[in-house]
């Protein structure tokens, strides 16, 4: 049986909605939450996690924008086949970054260092 496993650390630096978004995204991308898996309702998950409904709704909207989930009206929110969409978005962002640093005259080494610094800041290590 597939279950959604979410742990929110209220003392952690990322906001609760970002913790929720990243955990659902990671589980969907890893296959722990298969395509078509129905997520809990906003109110149900908010109650379960002790969060405001608006916090969960914000995470769901961000996930939908990322292509990780899709909302099917009153039927609910489901894990989408998002891997390809996410990879396309990442490739597009990487290409735009490469073009920008080239225009700025940065060396390959400096450009890679900037990416590594940004990733460390985002991922926390």
PDB file of N, CA and C in Angstrom:
ATOM      1  N   UNK A   1       0.842  -1.195   0.000  1.00  0.00           N
ATOM      2  CA  UNK A   1       0.000   0.000   0.000  1.00  0.00           C
ATOM      3  C   UNK A   1       0.881   1.249   0.000  1.00  0.00           C
ATOM      4  N   UNK A   2       0.566   2.191  -0.848  1.00  0.00           N
ATOM      5  CA  UNK A   2       1.310   3.440  -0.972  1.00  0.00           C
ATOM      6  C   UNK A   2       0.767   4.437   0.040  1.00  0.00           C
ATOM      7  N   UNK A   3       1.680   5.070   0.764  1.00  0.00           N
ATOM      8  CA  UNK A   3       1.262   6.110   1.701  1.00  0.00           C
ATOM      9  C   UNK A   3       2.163   7.324   1.551  1.00  0.00           C
ATOM     10  N   UNK A   4       1.564   8.466   1.736  1.00  0.00           N
ATOM     11  CA  UNK A   4       2.276   9.735   1.704  1.00  0.00           C
ATOM     12  C   UNK A   4       2.946   9.916   3.061  1.00  0.00           C
ATOM     13  N   UNK A   5       4.262  10.134   3.052  1.00  0.00           N
ATOM     14  CA  UNK A   5       5.010  10.319   4.298  1.00  0.00           C
ATOM     15  C   UNK A   5       5.573  11.729   4.321  1.00  0.00           C
ATOM     16  N   UNK A   6       5.029  12.560   5.186  1.00  0.00           N
ATOM     17  CA  UNK A   6       5.448  13.961   5.281  1.00  0.00           C
ATOM     18  C   UNK A   6       5.814  14.267   6.729  1.00  0.00           C
ATOM     19  N   UNK A   7       6.960  14.916   6.908  1.00  0.00           N
ATOM     20  CA  UNK A   7       7.374  15.382   8.226  1.00  0.00           C
ATOM     21  C   UNK A   7       7.675  16.869   8.104  1.00  0.00           C
ATOM     22  N   UNK A   8       6.976  17.662   8.888  1.00  0.00           N
ATOM     23  CA  UNK A   8       7.186  19.106   8.874  1.00  0.00           C
ATOM     24  C   UNK A   8       7.928  19.491  10.143  1.00  0.00           C
ATOM     25  N   UNK A   9       9.071  20.145   9.965  1.00  0.00           N
ATOM     26  CA  UNK A   9       9.869  20.634  11.091  1.00  0.00           C
ATOM     27  C   UNK A   9       9.620  22.129  11.196  1.00  0.00           C
ATOM     28  N   UNK A  10       8.855  22.514  12.195  1.00  0.00           N
ATOM     29  CA  UNK A  10       8.483  23.926  12.346  1.00  0.00           C
ATOM     30  C   UNK A  10       9.677  24.796  12.719  1.00  0.00           C
ATOM     31  N   UNK A  11      10.776  24.182  13.192  1.00  0.00           N
ATOM     32  CA  UNK A  11      11.969  24.937  13.548  1.00  0.00           C
ATOM     33  C   UNK A  11      12.963  25.041  12.392  1.00  0.00           C
ATOM     34  N   UNK A  12      12.674  24.358  11.281  1.00  0.00           N
ATOM     35  CA  UNK A  12      13.592  24.353  10.137  1.00  0.00           C
ATOM     36  C   UNK A  12      13.483  25.656   9.362  1.00  0.00           C
ATOM     37  N   UNK A  13      14.552  25.961   8.625  1.00  0.00           N
ATOM     38  CA  UNK A  13      14.595  27.207   7.854  1.00  0.00           C
ATOM     39  C   UNK A  13      13.570  27.248   6.730  1.00  0.00           C
ATOM     40  N   UNK A  14      13.414  26.209   5.911  1.00  0.00           N
ATOM     41  CA  UNK A  14      12.400  26.325   4.858  1.00  0.00           C
ATOM     42  C   UNK A  14      11.000  26.440   5.469  1.00  0.00           C
ATOM     43  N   UNK A  15      10.179  27.261   4.850  1.00  0.00           N
ATOM     44  CA  UNK A  15       8.800  27.428   5.310  1.00  0.00           C
ATOM     45  C   UNK A  15       8.060  26.094   5.205  1.00  0.00           C
ATOM     46  N   UNK A  16       7.043  25.871   6.039  1.00  0.00           N
ATOM     47  CA  UNK A  16       6.311  24.603   5.992  1.00  0.00           C
ATOM     48  C   UNK A  16       5.768  24.259   4.605  1.00  0.00           C
ATOM     49  N   UNK A  17       5.273  25.255   3.850  1.00  0.00           N
ATOM     50  CA  UNK A  17       4.744  24.932   2.520  1.00  0.00           C
ATOM     51  C   UNK A  17       5.853  24.408   1.623  1.00  0.00           C
ATOM     52  N   UNK A  18       7.080  24.954   1.765  1.00  0.00           N
ATOM     53  CA  UNK A  18       8.212  24.512   0.951  1.00  0.00           C
ATOM     54  C   UNK A  18       8.659  23.114   1.371  1.00  0.00           C
ATOM     55  N   UNK A  19       8.633  22.827   2.649  1.00  0.00           N
ATOM     56  CA  UNK A  19       8.951  21.476   3.121  1.00  0.00           C
ATOM     57  C   UNK A  19       7.961  20.476   2.534  1.00  0.00           C
ATOM     58  N   UNK A  20       6.686  20.837   2.576  1.00  0.00           N
ATOM     59  CA  UNK A  20       5.636  19.969   2.032  1.00  0.00           C
ATOM     60  C   UNK A  20       5.812  19.795   0.534  1.00  0.00           C
ATOM     61  N   UNK A  21       6.028  20.897  -0.180  1.00  0.00           N
ATOM     62  CA  UNK A  21       6.207  20.834  -1.629  1.00  0.00           C
ATOM     63  C   UNK A  21       7.386  19.947  -1.998  1.00  0.00           C
ATOM     64  N   UNK A  22       8.511  20.159  -1.339  1.00  0.00           N
ATOM     65  CA  UNK A  22       9.709  19.402  -1.702  1.00  0.00           C
ATOM     66  C   UNK A  22       9.582  17.921  -1.364  1.00  0.00           C
ATOM     67  N   UNK A  23       8.928  17.593  -0.265  1.00  0.00           N
ATOM     68  CA  UNK A  23       8.773  16.183   0.102  1.00  0.00           C
ATOM     69  C   UNK A  23       7.828  15.450  -0.850  1.00  0.00           C
ATOM     70  N   UNK A  24       6.726  16.085  -1.218  1.00  0.00           N
ATOM     71  CA  UNK A  24       5.816  15.453  -2.178  1.00  0.00           C
ATOM     72  C   UNK A  24       6.503  15.320  -3.530  1.00  0.00           C
ATOM     73  N   UNK A  25       7.207  16.362  -3.939  1.00  0.00           N
ATOM     74  CA  UNK A  25       7.910  16.331  -5.219  1.00  0.00           C
ATOM     75  C   UNK A  25       8.937  15.197  -5.241  1.00  0.00           C
ATOM     76  N   UNK A  26       9.723  15.083  -4.190  1.00  0.00           N
ATOM     77  CA  UNK A  26      10.751  14.035  -4.131  1.00  0.00           C
ATOM     78  C   UNK A  26      10.119  12.644  -4.165  1.00  0.00           C
ATOM     79  N   UNK A  27       9.027  12.467  -3.455  1.00  0.00           N
ATOM     80  CA  UNK A  27       8.372  11.157  -3.431  1.00  0.00           C
ATOM     81  C   UNK A  27       7.755  10.825  -4.784  1.00  0.00           C
ATOM     82  N   UNK A  28       7.229  11.828  -5.465  1.00  0.00           N
ATOM     83  CA  UNK A  28       6.648  11.595  -6.794  1.00  0.00           C
ATOM     84  C   UNK A  28       7.745  11.262  -7.796  1.00  0.00           C
ATOM     85  N   UNK A  29       8.829  11.999  -7.750  1.00  0.00           N
ATOM     86  CA  UNK A  29       9.920  11.777  -8.702  1.00  0.00           C
ATOM     87  C   UNK A  29      10.634  10.445  -8.472  1.00  0.00           C
ATOM     88  N   UNK A  30      10.702  10.007  -7.214  1.00  0.00           N
ATOM     89  CA  UNK A  30      11.380   8.744  -6.907  1.00  0.00           C
ATOM     90  C   UNK A  30      10.504   7.534  -7.223  1.00  0.00           C
ATOM     91  N   UNK A  31       9.208   7.772  -7.396  1.00  0.00           N
ATOM     92  CA  UNK A  31       8.286   6.667  -7.643  1.00  0.00           C
ATOM     93  C   UNK A  31       7.626   6.158  -6.380  1.00  0.00           C
ATOM     94  N   UNK A  32       8.018   6.695  -5.213  1.00  0.00           N
ATOM     95  CA  UNK A  32       7.369   6.292  -3.963  1.00  0.00           C
ATOM     96  C   UNK A  32       5.874   6.623  -4.012  1.00  0.00           C
ATOM     97  N   UNK A  33       5.549   7.726  -4.697  1.00  0.00           N
ATOM     98  CA  UNK A  33       4.150   8.060  -4.990  1.00  0.00           C
ATOM     99  C   UNK A  33       3.988   7.871  -6.490  1.00  0.00           C
ATOM    100  N   UNK A  34       3.297   6.841  -6.904  1.00  0.00           N
ATOM    101  CA  UNK A  34       3.193   6.556  -8.333  1.00  0.00           C
ATOM    102  C   UNK A  34       2.285   7.534  -9.066  1.00  0.00           C
ATOM    103  N   UNK A  35       2.486   7.613 -10.368  1.00  0.00           N
ATOM    104  CA  UNK A  35       1.613   8.427 -11.212  1.00  0.00           C
ATOM    105  C   UNK A  35       0.175   7.967 -10.975  1.00  0.00           C
ATOM    106  N   UNK A  36      -0.712   8.935 -10.781  1.00  0.00           N
ATOM    107  CA  UNK A  36      -2.116   8.628 -10.544  1.00  0.00           C
ATOM    108  C   UNK A  36      -2.478   8.529  -9.076  1.00  0.00           C
ATOM    109  N   UNK A  37      -1.496   8.558  -8.186  1.00  0.00           N
ATOM    110  CA  UNK A  37      -1.776   8.498  -6.752  1.00  0.00           C
ATOM    111  C   UNK A  37      -2.584   9.727  -6.347  1.00  0.00           C
ATOM    112  N   UNK A  38      -3.675   9.503  -5.628  1.00  0.00           N
ATOM    113  CA  UNK A  38      -4.533  10.607  -5.200  1.00  0.00           C
ATOM    114  C   UNK A  38      -4.024  11.157  -3.873  1.00  0.00           C
ATOM    115  N   UNK A  39      -3.694  12.439  -3.875  1.00  0.00           N
ATOM    116  CA  UNK A  39      -3.238  13.097  -2.657  1.00  0.00           C
ATOM    117  C   UNK A  39      -4.429  13.392  -1.748  1.00  0.00           C
ATOM    118  N   UNK A  40      -4.168  13.525  -0.455  1.00  0.00           N
ATOM    119  CA  UNK A  40      -5.253  13.899   0.458  1.00  0.00           C
ATOM    120  C   UNK A  40      -5.808  15.275   0.095  1.00  0.00           C
ATOM    121  N   UNK A  41      -7.009  15.531   0.532  1.00  0.00           N
ATOM    122  CA  UNK A  41      -7.583  16.855   0.319  1.00  0.00           C
ATOM    123  C   UNK A  41      -6.744  17.889   1.059  1.00  0.00           C
ATOM    124  N   UNK A  42      -6.857  19.121   0.633  1.00  0.00           N
ATOM    125  CA  UNK A  42      -6.126  20.204   1.290  1.00  0.00           C
ATOM    126  C   UNK A  42      -6.477  20.242   2.772  1.00  0.00           C
ATOM    127  N   UNK A  43      -7.749  20.240   3.071  1.00  0.00           N
ATOM    128  CA  UNK A  43      -8.167  20.318   4.480  1.00  0.00           C
ATOM    129  C   UNK A  43      -7.727  19.090   5.263  1.00  0.00           C
ATOM    130  N   UNK A  44      -7.848  17.917   4.642  1.00  0.00           N
ATOM    131  CA  UNK A  44      -7.463  16.682   5.320  1.00  0.00           C
ATOM    132  C   UNK A  44      -5.981  16.647   5.652  1.00  0.00           C
ATOM    133  N   UNK A  45      -5.140  17.028   4.697  1.00  0.00           N
ATOM    134  CA  UNK A  45      -3.700  17.021   4.936  1.00  0.00           C
ATOM    135  C   UNK A  45      -3.312  18.114   5.924  1.00  0.00           C
ATOM    136  N   UNK A  46      -3.959  19.270   5.824  1.00  0.00           N
ATOM    137  CA  UNK A  46      -3.674  20.360   6.763  1.00  0.00           C
ATOM    138  C   UNK A  46      -3.970  19.910   8.189  1.00  0.00           C
ATOM    139  N   UNK A  47      -5.091  19.257   8.370  1.00  0.00           N
ATOM    140  CA  UNK A  47      -5.464  18.770   9.704  1.00  0.00           C
ATOM    141  C   UNK A  47      -4.473  17.718  10.189  1.00  0.00           C
ATOM    142  N   UNK A  48      -4.124  16.795   9.321  1.00  0.00           N
ATOM    143  CA  UNK A  48      -3.201  15.714   9.675  1.00  0.00           C
ATOM    144  C   UNK A  48      -1.821  16.246  10.089  1.00  0.00           C
ATOM    145  N   UNK A  49      -1.350  17.288   9.390  1.00  0.00           N
ATOM    146  CA  UNK A  49      -0.014  17.820   9.649  1.00  0.00           C
ATOM    147  C   UNK A  49      -0.007  18.986  10.639  1.00  0.00           C
ATOM    148  N   UNK A  50      -1.176  19.465  11.024  1.00  0.00           N
ATOM    149  CA  UNK A  50      -1.254  20.601  11.935  1.00  0.00           C
ATOM    150  C   UNK A  50      -0.876  21.909  11.262  1.00  0.00           C
ATOM    151  N   UNK A  51      -1.200  22.009   9.978  1.00  0.00           N
ATOM    152  CA  UNK A  51      -0.906  23.216   9.205  1.00  0.00           C
ATOM    153  C   UNK A  51      -2.197  23.931   8.835  1.00  0.00           C
ATOM    154  N   UNK A  52      -2.063  25.179   8.429  1.00  0.00           N
ATOM    155  CA  UNK A  52      -3.216  25.919   7.912  1.00  0.00           C
ATOM    156  C   UNK A  52      -3.557  25.380   6.530  1.00  0.00           C
ATOM    157  N   UNK A  53      -4.824  25.371   6.206  1.00  0.00           N
ATOM    158  CA  UNK A  53      -5.258  24.895   4.887  1.00  0.00           C
ATOM    159  C   UNK A  53      -4.605  25.715   3.774  1.00  0.00           C
ATOM    160  N   UNK A  54      -4.421  27.014   3.994  1.00  0.00           N
ATOM    161  CA  UNK A  54      -3.777  27.862   2.981  1.00  0.00           C
ATOM    162  C   UNK A  54      -2.336  27.433   2.708  1.00  0.00           C
ATOM    163  N   UNK A  55      -1.655  26.917   3.734  1.00  0.00           N
ATOM    164  CA  UNK A  55      -0.275  26.451   3.571  1.00  0.00           C
ATOM    165  C   UNK A  55      -0.235  25.248   2.644  1.00  0.00           C
ATOM    166  N   UNK A  56      -1.136  24.293   2.863  1.00  0.00           N
ATOM    167  CA  UNK A  56      -1.199  23.099   2.020  1.00  0.00           C
ATOM    168  C   UNK A  56      -1.639  23.492   0.611  1.00  0.00           C
ATOM    169  N   UNK A  57      -2.617  24.386   0.505  1.00  0.00           N
ATOM    170  CA  UNK A  57      -3.086  24.823  -0.813  1.00  0.00           C
ATOM    171  C   UNK A  57      -1.952  25.490  -1.585  1.00  0.00           C
ATOM    172  N   UNK A  58      -1.129  26.287  -0.920  1.00  0.00           N
ATOM    173  CA  UNK A  58       0.005  26.947  -1.575  1.00  0.00           C
ATOM    174  C   UNK A  58       0.995  25.905  -2.098  1.00  0.00           C
ATOM    175  N   UNK A  59       1.262  24.871  -1.313  1.00  0.00           N
ATOM    176  CA  UNK A  59       2.175  23.798  -1.746  1.00  0.00           C
ATOM    177  C   UNK A  59       1.589  23.054  -2.939  1.00  0.00           C
ATOM    178  N   UNK A  60       0.303  22.748  -2.898  1.00  0.00           N
ATOM    179  CA  UNK A  60      -0.342  22.048  -4.011  1.00  0.00           C
ATOM    180  C   UNK A  60      -0.292  22.898  -5.290  1.00  0.00           C
ATOM    181  N   UNK A  61      -0.518  24.214  -5.156  1.00  0.00           N
ATOM    182  CA  UNK A  61      -0.453  25.094  -6.329  1.00  0.00           C
ATOM    183  C   UNK A  61       0.962  25.107  -6.921  1.00  0.00           C
ATOM    184  N   UNK A  62       1.966  25.156  -6.043  1.00  0.00           N
ATOM    185  CA  UNK A  62       3.354  25.141  -6.513  1.00  0.00           C
ATOM    186  C   UNK A  62       3.667  23.814  -7.205  1.00  0.00           C
ATOM    187  N   UNK A  63       3.190  22.718  -6.644  1.00  0.00           N
ATOM    188  CA  UNK A  63       3.406  21.399  -7.250  1.00  0.00           C
ATOM    189  C   UNK A  63       2.714  21.299  -8.605  1.00  0.00           C
ATOM    190  N   UNK A  64       1.538  21.889  -8.692  1.00  0.00           N
ATOM    191  CA  UNK A  64       0.816  21.875  -9.972  1.00  0.00           C
ATOM    192  C   UNK A  64       1.580  22.718 -10.995  1.00  0.00           C
ATOM    193  N   UNK A  65       2.081  23.860 -10.572  1.00  0.00           N
ATOM    194  CA  UNK A  65       2.875  24.705 -11.457  1.00  0.00           C
ATOM    195  C   UNK A  65       4.141  24.012 -11.933  1.00  0.00           C
ATOM    196  N   UNK A  66       4.708  23.163 -11.082  1.00  0.00           N
ATOM    197  CA  UNK A  66       5.914  22.403 -11.435  1.00  0.00           C
ATOM    198  C   UNK A  66       5.601  21.183 -12.287  1.00  0.00           C
ATOM    199  N   UNK A  67       4.305  20.874 -12.444  1.00  0.00           N
ATOM    200  CA  UNK A  67       3.925  19.706 -13.228  1.00  0.00           C
ATOM    201  C   UNK A  67       4.011  18.400 -12.462  1.00  0.00           C
ATOM    202  N   UNK A  68       4.154  18.475 -11.143  1.00  0.00           N
ATOM    203  CA  UNK A  68       4.270  17.262 -10.324  1.00  0.00           C
ATOM    204  C   UNK A  68       2.903  16.663 -10.051  1.00  0.00           C
ATOM    205  N   UNK A  69       1.902  17.517  -9.861  1.00  0.00           N
ATOM    206  CA  UNK A  69       0.545  17.046  -9.614  1.00  0.00           C
ATOM    207  C   UNK A  69      -0.405  17.716 -10.596  1.00  0.00           C
ATOM    208  N   UNK A  70      -1.574  17.122 -10.713  1.00  0.00           N
ATOM    209  CA  UNK A  70      -2.632  17.727 -11.516  1.00  0.00           C
ATOM    210  C   UNK A  70      -3.922  17.675 -10.724  1.00  0.00           C
ATOM    211  N   UNK A  71      -4.683  18.754 -10.809  1.00  0.00           N
ATOM    212  CA  UNK A  71      -5.963  18.821 -10.119  1.00  0.00           C
ATOM    213  C   UNK A  71      -7.054  18.491 -11.117  1.00  0.00           C
ATOM    214  N   UNK A  72      -7.904  17.590 -10.723  1.00  0.00           N
ATOM    215  CA  UNK A  72      -9.010  17.158 -11.585  1.00  0.00           C
ATOM    216  C   UNK A  72     -10.337  17.598 -10.986  1.00  0.00           C
ATOM    217  N   UNK A  73     -10.444  18.890 -10.783  1.00  0.00           N
ATOM    218  CA  UNK A  73     -11.684  19.452 -10.251  1.00  0.00           C
ATOM    219  C   UNK A  73     -12.076  18.823  -8.933  1.00  0.00           C
ATOM    220  N   UNK A  74     -13.327  18.426  -8.836  1.00  0.00           N
ATOM    221  CA  UNK A  74     -13.842  17.848  -7.598  1.00  0.00           C
ATOM    222  C   UNK A  74     -13.314  16.438  -7.336  1.00  0.00           C
ATOM    223  N   UNK A  75     -12.678  15.842  -8.331  1.00  0.00           N
ATOM    224  CA  UNK A  75     -12.142  14.493  -8.154  1.00  0.00           C
ATOM    225  C   UNK A  75     -10.878  14.471  -7.305  1.00  0.00           C
ATOM    226  N   UNK A  76     -10.195  15.599  -7.200  1.00  0.00           N
ATOM    227  CA  UNK A  76      -9.030  15.670  -6.332  1.00  0.00           C
ATOM    228  C   UNK A  76      -7.745  16.021  -7.048  1.00  0.00           C
ATOM    229  N   UNK A  77      -6.659  15.844  -6.324  1.00  0.00           N
ATOM    230  CA  UNK A  77      -5.323  16.153  -6.815  1.00  0.00           C
ATOM    231  C   UNK A  77      -4.533  14.861  -6.912  1.00  0.00           C
ATOM    232  N   UNK A  78      -3.884  14.653  -8.052  1.00  0.00           N
ATOM    233  CA  UNK A  78      -3.213  13.395  -8.338  1.00  0.00           C
ATOM    234  C   UNK A  78      -1.779  13.638  -8.773  1.00  0.00           C
ATOM    235  N   UNK A  79      -0.910  12.663  -8.490  1.00  0.00           N
ATOM    236  CA  UNK A  79       0.470  12.726  -8.966  1.00  0.00           C
ATOM    237  C   UNK A  79       0.442  12.589 -10.487  1.00  0.00           C
ATOM    238  N   UNK A  80       1.098  13.527 -11.152  1.00  0.00           N
ATOM    239  CA  UNK A  80       1.153  13.544 -12.619  1.00  0.00           C
ATOM    240  C   UNK A  80       2.424  12.841 -13.088  1.00  0.00           C
ATOM    241  N   UNK A  81       2.478  12.558 -14.354  1.00  0.00           N
ATOM    242  CA  UNK A  81       3.692  12.018 -14.969  1.00  0.00           C
ATOM    243  C   UNK A  81       4.623  13.197 -15.175  1.00  0.00           C
ATOM    244  N   UNK A  82       5.314  13.609 -14.108  1.00  0.00           N
ATOM    245  CA  UNK A  82       6.022  14.888 -14.105  1.00  0.00           C
ATOM    246  C   UNK A  82       7.500  14.813 -14.407  1.00  0.00           C
ATOM    247  N   UNK A  83       8.091  13.651 -14.364  1.00  0.00           N
ATOM    248  CA  UNK A  83       9.528  13.563 -14.534  1.00  0.00           C
ATOM    249  C   UNK A  83      10.003  14.259 -15.784  1.00  0.00           C
ATOM    250  N   UNK A  84       9.389  13.967 -16.917  1.00  0.00           N
ATOM    251  CA  UNK A  84       9.823  14.569 -18.168  1.00  0.00           C
ATOM    252  C   UNK A  84       9.626  16.080 -18.166  1.00  0.00           C
ATOM    253  N   UNK A  85       8.506  16.554 -17.634  1.00  0.00           N
ATOM    254  CA  UNK A  85       8.239  17.990 -17.603  1.00  0.00           C
ATOM    255  C   UNK A  85       9.269  18.698 -16.730  1.00  0.00           C
ATOM    256  N   UNK A  86       9.588  18.120 -15.589  1.00  0.00           N
ATOM    257  CA  UNK A  86      10.562  18.733 -14.687  1.00  0.00           C
ATOM    258  C   UNK A  86      11.936  18.760 -15.335  1.00  0.00           C
ATOM    259  N   UNK A  87      12.300  17.683 -15.988  1.00  0.00           N
ATOM    260  CA  UNK A  87      13.603  17.642 -16.656  1.00  0.00           C
ATOM    261  C   UNK A  87      13.673  18.664 -17.788  1.00  0.00           C
ATOM    262  N   UNK A  88      12.576  18.837 -18.524  1.00  0.00           N
ATOM    263  CA  UNK A  88      12.553  19.841 -19.591  1.00  0.00           C
ATOM    264  C   UNK A  88      12.708  21.243 -19.019  1.00  0.00           C
ATOM    265  N   UNK A  89      12.004  21.517 -17.919  1.00  0.00           N
ATOM    266  CA  UNK A  89      12.104  22.840 -17.296  1.00  0.00           C
ATOM    267  C   UNK A  89      13.516  23.089 -16.788  1.00  0.00           C
ATOM    268  N   UNK A  90      14.136  22.065 -16.193  1.00  0.00           N
ATOM    269  CA  UNK A  90      15.510  22.210 -15.695  1.00  0.00           C
ATOM    270  C   UNK A  90      16.471  22.456 -16.852  1.00  0.00           C
ATOM    271  N   UNK A  91      16.300  21.729 -17.955  1.00  0.00           N
ATOM    272  CA  UNK A  91      17.174  21.914 -19.113  1.00  0.00           C
ATOM    273  C   UNK A  91      17.020  23.315 -19.703  1.00  0.00           C
ATOM    274  N   UNK A  92      15.791  23.805 -19.753  1.00  0.00           N
ATOM    275  CA  UNK A  92      15.541  25.155 -20.267  1.00  0.00           C
ATOM    276  C   UNK A  92      16.196  26.202 -19.366  1.00  0.00           C
ATOM    277  N   UNK A  93      16.053  26.020 -18.056  1.00  0.00           N
ATOM    278  CA  UNK A  93      16.668  26.958 -17.109  1.00  0.00           C
ATOM    279  C   UNK A  93      18.188  26.908 -17.212  1.00  0.00           C
ATOM    280  N   UNK A  94      18.742  25.711 -17.362  1.00  0.00           N
ATOM    281  CA  UNK A  94      20.190  25.566 -17.481  1.00  0.00           C
ATOM    282  C   UNK A  94      20.700  26.245 -18.743  1.00  0.00           C
ATOM    283  N   UNK A  95      19.972  26.094 -19.831  1.00  0.00           N
ATOM    284  CA  UNK A  95      20.376  26.728 -21.086  1.00  0.00           C
ATOM    285  C   UNK A  95      20.350  28.248 -20.959  1.00  0.00           C
ATOM    286  N   UNK A  96      19.301  28.779 -20.350  1.00  0.00           N
ATOM    287  CA  UNK A  96      19.201  30.225 -20.160  1.00  0.00           C
ATOM    288  C   UNK A  96      20.350  30.722 -19.272  1.00  0.00           C
ATOM    289  N   UNK A  97      20.680  29.958 -18.240  1.00  0.00           N
ATOM    290  CA  UNK A  97      21.779  30.332 -17.356  1.00  0.00           C
ATOM    291  C   UNK A  97      23.104  30.336 -18.125  1.00  0.00           C
ATOM    292  N   UNK A  98      23.331  29.286 -18.894  1.00  0.00           N
ATOM    293  CA  UNK A  98      24.578  29.186 -19.665  1.00  0.00           C
ATOM    294  C   UNK A  98      24.722  30.376 -20.612  1.00  0.00           C
ATOM    295  N   UNK A  99      23.646  30.738 -21.271  1.00  0.00           N
ATOM    296  CA  UNK A  99      23.698  31.874 -22.191  1.00  0.00           C
ATOM    297  C   UNK A  99      23.974  33.174 -21.442  1.00  0.00           C
ATOM    298  N   UNK A 100      23.352  33.337 -20.277  1.00  0.00           N
ATOM    299  CA  UNK A 100      23.527  34.566 -19.495  1.00  0.00           C
ATOM    300  C   UNK A 100      24.960  34.698 -18.988  1.00  0.00           C
ATOM    301  N   UNK A 101      25.534  33.634 -18.433  1.00  0.00           N
ATOM    302  CA  UNK A 101      26.894  33.744 -17.909  1.00  0.00           C
ATOM    303  C   UNK A 101      27.907  33.933 -19.041  1.00  0.00           C
ATOM    304  N   UNK A 102      27.603  33.366 -20.205  1.00  0.00           N
ATOM    305  CA  UNK A 102      28.482  33.582 -21.362  1.00  0.00           C
ATOM    306  C   UNK A 102      28.471  35.063 -21.756  1.00  0.00           C
ATOM    307  N   UNK A 103      27.262  35.659 -21.815  1.00  0.00           N
ATOM    308  CA  UNK A 103      27.142  37.090 -22.135  1.00  0.00           C
ATOM    309  C   UNK A 103      27.869  37.951 -21.105  1.00  0.00           C
ATOM    310  N   UNK A 104      27.856  37.511 -19.847  1.00  0.00           N
ATOM    311  CA  UNK A 104      28.510  38.264 -18.779  1.00  0.00           C
ATOM    312  C   UNK A 104      30.029  38.082 -18.786  1.00  0.00           C
ATOM    313  N   UNK A 105      30.498  37.120 -19.565  1.00  0.00           N
ATOM    314  CA  UNK A 105      31.931  36.896 -19.663  1.00  0.00           C
ATOM    315  C   UNK A 105      32.512  36.047 -18.547  1.00  0.00           C
ATOM    316  N   UNK A 106      31.667  35.328 -17.801  1.00  0.00           N
ATOM    317  CA  UNK A 106      32.180  34.463 -16.745  1.00  0.00           C
ATOM    318  C   UNK A 106      32.846  33.232 -17.343  1.00  0.00           C
ATOM    319  N   UNK A 107      33.858  32.753 -16.674  1.00  0.00           N
ATOM    320  CA  UNK A 107      34.505  31.514 -17.102  1.00  0.00           C
ATOM    321  C   UNK A 107      33.602  30.337 -16.746  1.00  0.00           C
ATOM    322  N   UNK A 108      33.866  29.207 -17.373  1.00  0.00           N
ATOM    323  CA  UNK A 108      33.106  27.988 -17.061  1.00  0.00           C
ATOM    324  C   UNK A 108      33.237  27.660 -15.574  1.00  0.00           C
ATOM    325  N   UNK A 109      34.446  27.802 -15.049  1.00  0.00           N
ATOM    326  CA  UNK A 109      34.704  27.504 -13.640  1.00  0.00           C
ATOM    327  C   UNK A 109      33.888  28.412 -12.721  1.00  0.00           C
ATOM    328  N   UNK A 110      33.855  29.715 -13.027  1.00  0.00           N
ATOM    329  CA  UNK A 110      33.084  30.662 -12.216  1.00  0.00           C
ATOM    330  C   UNK A 110      31.586  30.380 -12.317  1.00  0.00           C
ATOM    331  N   UNK A 111      31.128  30.025 -13.509  1.00  0.00           N
ATOM    332  CA  UNK A 111      29.705  29.717 -13.697  1.00  0.00           C
ATOM    333  C   UNK A 111      29.317  28.473 -12.895  1.00  0.00           C
ATOM    334  N   UNK A 112      30.159  27.452 -12.944  1.00  0.00           N
ATOM    335  CA  UNK A 112      29.872  26.225 -12.185  1.00  0.00           C
ATOM    336  C   UNK A 112      29.918  26.485 -10.682  1.00  0.00           C
ATOM    337  N   UNK A 113      30.855  27.314 -10.240  1.00  0.00           N
ATOM    338  CA  UNK A 113      30.939  27.656  -8.814  1.00  0.00           C
ATOM    339  C   UNK A 113      29.672  28.366  -8.349  1.00  0.00           C
ATOM    340  N   UNK A 114      29.158  29.254  -9.193  1.00  0.00           N
ATOM    341  CA  UNK A 114      27.929  29.970  -8.843  1.00  0.00           C
ATOM    342  C   UNK A 114      26.757  29.002  -8.701  1.00  0.00           C
ATOM    343  N   UNK A 115      26.675  28.020  -9.602  1.00  0.00           N
ATOM    344  CA  UNK A 115      25.609  27.014  -9.524  1.00  0.00           C
ATOM    345  C   UNK A 115      25.767  26.173  -8.264  1.00  0.00           C
ATOM    346  N   UNK A 116      26.989  25.740  -7.988  1.00  0.00           N
ATOM    347  CA  UNK A 116      27.220  24.923  -6.795  1.00  0.00           C
ATOM    348  C   UNK A 116      26.866  25.690  -5.529  1.00  0.00           C
ATOM    349  N   UNK A 117      27.209  26.961  -5.460  1.00  0.00           N
ATOM    350  CA  UNK A 117      26.859  27.788  -4.303  1.00  0.00           C
ATOM    351  C   UNK A 117      25.344  27.900  -4.155  1.00  0.00           C
ATOM    352  N   UNK A 118      24.659  28.110  -5.275  1.00  0.00           N
ATOM    353  CA  UNK A 118      23.203  28.234  -5.238  1.00  0.00           C
ATOM    354  C   UNK A 118      22.560  26.921  -4.793  1.00  0.00           C
ATOM    355  N   UNK A 119      23.064  25.814  -5.289  1.00  0.00           N
ATOM    356  CA  UNK A 119      22.513  24.510  -4.893  1.00  0.00           C
ATOM    357  C   UNK A 119      22.768  24.236  -3.418  1.00  0.00           C
ATOM    358  N   UNK A 120      23.962  24.577  -2.922  1.00  0.00           N
ATOM    359  CA  UNK A 120      24.242  24.405  -1.500  1.00  0.00           C
ATOM    360  C   UNK A 120      23.279  25.226  -0.668  1.00  0.00           C
ATOM    361  N   UNK A 121      23.015  26.453  -1.099  1.00  0.00           N
ATOM    362  CA  UNK A 121      22.090  27.320  -0.372  1.00  0.00           C
ATOM    363  C   UNK A 121      20.678  26.756  -0.383  1.00  0.00           C
ATOM    364  N   UNK A 122      20.266  26.185  -1.513  1.00  0.00           N
ATOM    365  CA  UNK A 122      18.909  25.653  -1.632  1.00  0.00           C
ATOM    366  C   UNK A 122      18.725  24.337  -0.897  1.00  0.00           C
ATOM    367  N   UNK A 123      19.729  23.479  -0.967  1.00  0.00           N
ATOM    368  CA  UNK A 123      19.619  22.141  -0.392  1.00  0.00           C
ATOM    369  C   UNK A 123      20.169  22.083   1.033  1.00  0.00           C
ATOM    370  N   UNK A 124      20.809  23.146   1.471  1.00  0.00           N
ATOM    371  CA  UNK A 124      21.243  23.198   2.857  1.00  0.00           C
ATOM    372  C   UNK A 124      22.583  22.553   3.159  1.00  0.00           C
ATOM    373  N   UNK A 125      23.364  22.199   2.144  1.00  0.00           N
ATOM    374  CA  UNK A 125      24.704  21.671   2.442  1.00  0.00           C
ATOM    375  C   UNK A 125      25.620  21.816   1.271  1.00  0.00           C
TER     376      UNK A 125
END
